C-alpha atoms as a PDB file:
ATOM      1  CA  MET A   1     -91.270 -51.904  70.418  1.00  0.00           C
ATOM      2  CA  PHE A   2     -89.516 -48.539  70.765  1.00  0.00           C
ATOM      3  CA  GLU A   3     -92.687 -46.966  72.144  1.00  0.00           C
ATOM      4  CA  GLN A   4     -93.073 -49.761  74.707  1.00  0.00           C
ATOM      5  CA  ILE A   5     -89.459 -49.352  75.811  1.00  0.00           C
ATOM      6  CA  LYS A   6     -89.940 -45.589  76.231  1.00  0.00           C
ATOM      7  CA  GLU A   7     -93.008 -46.196  78.396  1.00  0.00           C
ATOM      8  CA  ILE A   8     -90.987 -48.522  80.630  1.00  0.00           C
ATOM      9  CA  ILE A   9     -88.020 -46.115  80.828  1.00  0.00           C
ATOM     10  CA  VAL A  10     -90.107 -43.222  82.179  1.00  0.00           C
ATOM     11  CA  ASN A  11     -91.242 -45.479  85.044  1.00  0.00           C
ATOM     12  CA  TYR A  12     -87.661 -45.663  86.306  1.00  0.00           C
ATOM     13  CA  VAL A  13     -86.084 -42.275  85.647  1.00  0.00           C
ATOM     14  CA  ASP A  14     -87.319 -38.690  85.617  1.00  0.00           C
ATOM     15  CA  VAL A  15     -87.276 -38.035  81.883  1.00  0.00           C
ATOM     16  CA  GLU A  16     -89.943 -37.178  79.324  1.00  0.00           C
ATOM     17  CA  GLU A  17     -90.780 -39.827  76.722  1.00  0.00           C
ATOM     18  CA  SER A  18     -90.065 -37.246  74.030  1.00  0.00           C
ATOM     19  CA  ALA A  19     -86.453 -36.996  75.266  1.00  0.00           C
ATOM     20  CA  VAL A  20     -85.799 -40.700  74.730  1.00  0.00           C
ATOM     21  CA  THR A  21     -84.235 -41.645  71.395  1.00  0.00           C
ATOM     22  CA  GLU A  22     -82.603 -44.827  70.149  1.00  0.00           C
ATOM     23  CA  ASN A  23     -79.234 -43.104  70.669  1.00  0.00           C
ATOM     24  CA  SER A  24     -79.995 -42.218  74.305  1.00  0.00           C
ATOM     25  CA  ARG A  25     -77.493 -43.772  76.695  1.00  0.00           C
ATOM     26  CA  PHE A  26     -79.082 -45.246  79.791  1.00  0.00           C
ATOM     27  CA  ILE A  27     -76.615 -43.867  82.333  1.00  0.00           C
ATOM     28  CA  GLU A  28     -75.156 -40.736  80.755  1.00  0.00           C
ATOM     29  CA  ASP A  29     -78.275 -39.373  79.013  1.00  0.00           C
ATOM     30  CA  LEU A  30     -81.237 -40.816  80.896  1.00  0.00           C
ATOM     31  CA  GLY A  31     -79.815 -40.859  84.417  1.00  0.00           C
ATOM     32  CA  PHE A  32     -80.154 -44.554  85.200  1.00  0.00           C
ATOM     33  CA  ASN A  33     -78.182 -45.963  88.109  1.00  0.00           C
ATOM     34  CA  SER A  34     -77.351 -49.668  88.268  1.00  0.00           C
ATOM     35  CA  TYR A  35     -80.375 -50.494  90.440  1.00  0.00           C
ATOM     36  CA  ASP A  36     -82.759 -48.626  88.106  1.00  0.00           C
ATOM     37  CA  PHE A  37     -81.260 -50.384  85.097  1.00  0.00           C
ATOM     38  CA  MET A  38     -81.591 -53.856  86.608  1.00  0.00           C
ATOM     39  CA  SER A  39     -85.202 -53.117  87.626  1.00  0.00           C
ATOM     40  CA  PHE A  40     -85.878 -51.829  84.109  1.00  0.00           C
ATOM     41  CA  LEU A  41     -84.455 -55.045  82.650  1.00  0.00           C
ATOM     42  CA  GLY A  42     -86.689 -57.103  84.923  1.00  0.00           C
ATOM     43  CA  GLU A  43     -89.745 -55.324  83.586  1.00  0.00           C
ATOM     44  CA  VAL A  44     -88.478 -55.745  80.018  1.00  0.00           C
ATOM     45  CA  GLU A  45     -88.126 -59.492  80.635  1.00  0.00           C
ATOM     46  CA  GLU A  46     -91.716 -59.700  81.883  1.00  0.00           C
ATOM     47  CA  THR A  47     -93.151 -57.463  79.162  1.00  0.00           C
ATOM     48  CA  PHE A  48     -91.470 -59.228  76.244  1.00  0.00           C
ATOM     49  CA  GLU A  49     -91.317 -62.718  77.825  1.00  0.00           C
ATOM     50  CA  ILE A  50     -87.556 -63.051  77.401  1.00  0.00           C
ATOM     51  CA  THR A  51     -84.599 -63.875  79.629  1.00  0.00           C
ATOM     52  CA  VAL A  52     -81.731 -61.382  79.621  1.00  0.00           C
ATOM     53  CA  GLU A  53     -78.272 -62.870  80.098  1.00  0.00           C
ATOM     54  CA  GLU A  54     -76.169 -61.043  82.669  1.00  0.00           C
ATOM     55  CA  GLU A  55     -73.026 -60.961  80.498  1.00  0.00           C
ATOM     56  CA  ASP A  56     -75.009 -59.442  77.617  1.00  0.00           C
ATOM     57  CA  VAL A  57     -76.301 -56.620  79.829  1.00  0.00           C
ATOM     58  CA  LEU A  58     -72.794 -55.205  80.114  1.00  0.00           C
ATOM     59  CA  LYS A  59     -72.747 -54.582  76.358  1.00  0.00           C
ATOM     60  CA  ILE A  60     -76.014 -52.606  76.282  1.00  0.00           C
ATOM     61  CA  THR A  61     -75.478 -48.885  76.665  1.00  0.00           C
ATOM     62  CA  THR A  62     -78.131 -47.283  74.437  1.00  0.00           C
ATOM     63  CA  VAL A  63     -81.866 -47.686  73.945  1.00  0.00           C
ATOM     64  CA  GLY A  64     -81.265 -48.829  70.357  1.00  0.00           C
ATOM     65  CA  GLU A  65     -78.861 -51.546  71.518  1.00  0.00           C
ATOM     66  CA  ALA A  66     -81.466 -52.730  74.018  1.00  0.00           C
ATOM     67  CA  ILE A  67     -84.107 -52.942  71.278  1.00  0.00           C
ATOM     68  CA  LYS A  68     -81.808 -54.927  68.973  1.00  0.00           C
ATOM     69  CA  TYR A  69     -80.939 -57.277  71.836  1.00  0.00           C
ATOM     70  CA  ILE A  70     -84.601 -57.831  72.751  1.00  0.00           C
ATOM     71  CA  GLU A  71     -85.485 -58.477  69.106  1.00  0.00           C
ATOM     72  CA  SER A  72     -82.692 -61.049  68.885  1.00  0.00           C
ATOM     73  CA  LEU A  73     -84.242 -62.990  71.768  1.00  0.00           C
ATOM     74  CA  LYS A  74     -87.787 -63.075  70.407  1.00  0.00           C
END
C-alpha cells in the first residue's frame, strides 16, 4: 500500500517518490496545500474503494498515519 500511496502523492506535488517516507508530513515536508490534499484524498478513496470522513482528515498529518487510516477502513 505504501508504494501505491507514493505513486498517488507524486501526481499532486513536485517531489520524487524516493523522498516520500512514512514519516513525511503532507504539508511541511511534501508541500501539499489544502486543495492538493483534498484532491489526493479523493484519488485515495477511488483507488482503495473507501470513504474518508472529513473529521478524520484533520488528524492525518503524515503518510504513515494515512496508511494506518486507510487500512482501518478496509
